[in-house]
Amino acid sequence: MPTNEIICTCAEINKQQIIDAIIKFKTKDIDLVCEKTGAGMICGGCRPVIQEIINKYTK
């Protein structure tokens, strides 16, 4: 999945923005990542993908 791929179509948030939030806030907390990026806050359909990204980048 390229880093410019849109993860949250509702808020138009891409993978890199998710990764940046994970790194900036040093978090594994999906709620914090969603709050800081705006992803997953409207319909929530992208939250499983966001969790996968969090899992990958916070081993």
N, C-alpha and C. Protein backbone atom coordinates (compact mmCIF):
# COMPACT_ATOMS: atom_id res chain seq x y z
N MET A 1 0.85 -1.17 0.00
CA MET A 1 0.00 0.00 0.00
C MET A 1 0.90 1.24 0.00
N PRO A 2 0.80 2.06 -1.04
CA PRO A 2 1.63 3.27 -1.10
C PRO A 2 1.25 4.26 0.01
N THR A 3 2.21 5.06 0.44
CA THR A 3 1.94 5.96 1.56
C THR A 3 0.98 7.09 1.20
N ASN A 4 0.78 7.34 -0.08
CA ASN A 4 -0.17 8.39 -0.47
C ASN A 4 -1.58 7.84 -0.71
N GLU A 5 -1.77 6.54 -0.48
CA GLU A 5 -3.09 5.94 -0.65
C GLU A 5 -4.05 6.46 0.41
N ILE A 6 -5.24 6.84 -0.03
CA ILE A 6 -6.26 7.33 0.88
C ILE A 6 -6.77 6.17 1.73
N ILE A 7 -6.70 6.33 3.04
CA ILE A 7 -7.18 5.33 3.99
C ILE A 7 -8.60 5.66 4.43
N CYS A 8 -8.83 6.93 4.73
CA CYS A 8 -10.16 7.39 5.15
C CYS A 8 -10.73 8.26 4.04
N THR A 9 -11.68 7.71 3.31
CA THR A 9 -12.26 8.47 2.20
C THR A 9 -13.18 9.58 2.70
N CYS A 10 -13.76 9.41 3.87
CA CYS A 10 -14.65 10.45 4.42
C CYS A 10 -13.88 11.74 4.70
N ALA A 11 -12.70 11.61 5.29
CA ALA A 11 -11.89 12.77 5.67
C ALA A 11 -10.70 12.99 4.74
N GLU A 12 -10.55 12.12 3.73
CA GLU A 12 -9.45 12.19 2.77
C GLU A 12 -8.08 12.18 3.45
N ILE A 13 -7.90 11.21 4.34
CA ILE A 13 -6.65 11.05 5.08
C ILE A 13 -5.88 9.89 4.46
N ASN A 14 -4.60 10.14 4.15
CA ASN A 14 -3.80 9.09 3.52
C ASN A 14 -2.95 8.33 4.54
N LYS A 15 -2.34 7.27 4.08
CA LYS A 15 -1.55 6.39 4.94
C LYS A 15 -0.41 7.16 5.61
N GLN A 16 0.26 8.05 4.88
CA GLN A 16 1.38 8.78 5.45
C GLN A 16 0.94 9.66 6.62
N GLN A 17 -0.23 10.24 6.52
CA GLN A 17 -0.74 11.06 7.62
C GLN A 17 -0.98 10.21 8.87
N ILE A 18 -1.43 8.98 8.67
CA ILE A 18 -1.63 8.05 9.79
C ILE A 18 -0.27 7.70 10.40
N ILE A 19 0.69 7.36 9.56
CA ILE A 19 2.04 7.02 10.03
C ILE A 19 2.65 8.19 10.79
N ASP A 20 2.52 9.39 10.24
CA ASP A 20 3.07 10.58 10.88
C ASP A 20 2.50 10.78 12.29
N ALA A 21 1.18 10.56 12.44
CA ALA A 21 0.55 10.71 13.75
C ALA A 21 1.06 9.64 14.73
N ILE A 22 1.22 8.43 14.26
CA ILE A 22 1.74 7.34 15.11
C ILE A 22 3.12 7.72 15.64
N ILE A 23 3.96 8.23 14.75
CA ILE A 23 5.33 8.59 15.13
C ILE A 23 5.34 9.83 16.02
N LYS A 24 4.62 10.85 15.62
CA LYS A 24 4.63 12.12 16.36
C LYS A 24 4.13 11.95 17.79
N PHE A 25 3.06 11.19 17.96
CA PHE A 25 2.47 11.03 19.28
C PHE A 25 2.92 9.76 19.99
N LYS A 26 3.83 9.01 19.34
CA LYS A 26 4.40 7.78 19.94
C LYS A 26 3.29 6.93 20.55
N THR A 27 2.32 6.57 19.74
CA THR A 27 1.14 5.89 20.26
C THR A 27 0.75 4.66 19.48
N LYS A 28 0.08 3.76 20.18
CA LYS A 28 -0.56 2.59 19.59
C LYS A 28 -2.07 2.72 19.71
N ASP A 29 -2.52 3.84 20.26
CA ASP A 29 -3.93 4.06 20.57
C ASP A 29 -4.68 4.55 19.33
N ILE A 30 -5.55 3.70 18.80
CA ILE A 30 -6.28 4.04 17.58
C ILE A 30 -7.16 5.28 17.79
N ASP A 31 -7.71 5.44 18.97
CA ASP A 31 -8.56 6.60 19.22
C ASP A 31 -7.77 7.90 19.13
N LEU A 32 -6.55 7.89 19.65
CA LEU A 32 -5.70 9.09 19.57
C LEU A 32 -5.30 9.37 18.13
N VAL A 33 -4.91 8.34 17.40
CA VAL A 33 -4.54 8.52 15.99
C VAL A 33 -5.72 9.08 15.21
N CYS A 34 -6.89 8.55 15.44
CA CYS A 34 -8.08 9.03 14.73
C CYS A 34 -8.41 10.47 15.13
N GLU A 35 -8.30 10.78 16.41
CA GLU A 35 -8.59 12.13 16.88
C GLU A 35 -7.62 13.14 16.27
N LYS A 36 -6.35 12.80 16.21
CA LYS A 36 -5.33 13.73 15.72
C LYS A 36 -5.34 13.89 14.20
N THR A 37 -5.80 12.85 13.48
CA THR A 37 -5.80 12.93 12.02
C THR A 37 -7.17 13.24 11.44
N GLY A 38 -8.22 12.90 12.17
CA GLY A 38 -9.58 13.03 11.66
C GLY A 38 -10.06 11.79 10.94
N ALA A 39 -9.16 10.84 10.75
CA ALA A 39 -9.53 9.58 10.10
C ALA A 39 -10.37 8.73 11.05
N GLY A 40 -11.32 8.00 10.49
CA GLY A 40 -12.11 7.07 11.29
C GLY A 40 -13.13 7.71 12.19
N MET A 41 -13.36 9.00 12.04
CA MET A 41 -14.25 9.72 12.94
C MET A 41 -15.66 9.90 12.39
N ILE A 42 -15.84 9.64 11.10
CA ILE A 42 -17.16 9.88 10.50
C ILE A 42 -17.95 8.57 10.43
N CYS A 43 -17.52 7.64 9.60
CA CYS A 43 -18.27 6.38 9.49
C CYS A 43 -17.58 5.23 10.22
N GLY A 44 -16.25 5.35 10.41
CA GLY A 44 -15.51 4.32 11.13
C GLY A 44 -15.13 3.12 10.30
N GLY A 45 -15.49 3.11 9.03
CA GLY A 45 -15.20 1.96 8.18
C GLY A 45 -13.72 1.70 7.95
N CYS A 46 -12.89 2.72 8.12
CA CYS A 46 -11.45 2.58 7.89
C CYS A 46 -10.68 2.20 9.15
N ARG A 47 -11.34 2.14 10.27
CA ARG A 47 -10.64 1.87 11.54
C ARG A 47 -9.87 0.54 11.54
N PRO A 48 -10.39 -0.54 10.93
CA PRO A 48 -9.59 -1.78 10.88
C PRO A 48 -8.27 -1.59 10.11
N VAL A 49 -8.30 -0.81 9.05
CA VAL A 49 -7.08 -0.56 8.27
C VAL A 49 -6.12 0.32 9.08
N ILE A 50 -6.67 1.31 9.77
CA ILE A 50 -5.84 2.16 10.63
C ILE A 50 -5.16 1.30 11.69
N GLN A 51 -5.90 0.36 12.28
CA GLN A 51 -5.32 -0.52 13.30
C GLN A 51 -4.20 -1.37 12.70
N GLU A 52 -4.37 -1.85 11.47
CA GLU A 52 -3.32 -2.61 10.80
C GLU A 52 -2.06 -1.76 10.64
N ILE A 53 -2.22 -0.51 10.25
CA ILE A 53 -1.08 0.39 10.08
C ILE A 53 -0.41 0.62 11.43
N ILE A 54 -1.19 0.85 12.47
CA ILE A 54 -0.63 1.04 13.81
C ILE A 54 0.17 -0.19 14.21
N ASN A 55 -0.40 -1.37 13.99
CA ASN A 55 0.29 -2.61 14.35
C ASN A 55 1.61 -2.75 13.60
N LYS A 56 1.62 -2.37 12.35
CA LYS A 56 2.83 -2.49 11.53
C LYS A 56 3.92 -1.52 11.98
N TYR A 57 3.55 -0.35 12.37
CA TYR A 57 4.54 0.70 12.68
C TYR A 57 4.85 0.83 14.17
N THR A 58 4.29 -0.01 15.00
CA THR A 58 4.57 0.06 16.45
C THR A 58 4.98 -1.29 17.01
N LYS A 59 5.70 -2.06 16.26
CA LYS A 59 6.12 -3.39 16.72
C LYS A 59 6.97 -3.32 17.96
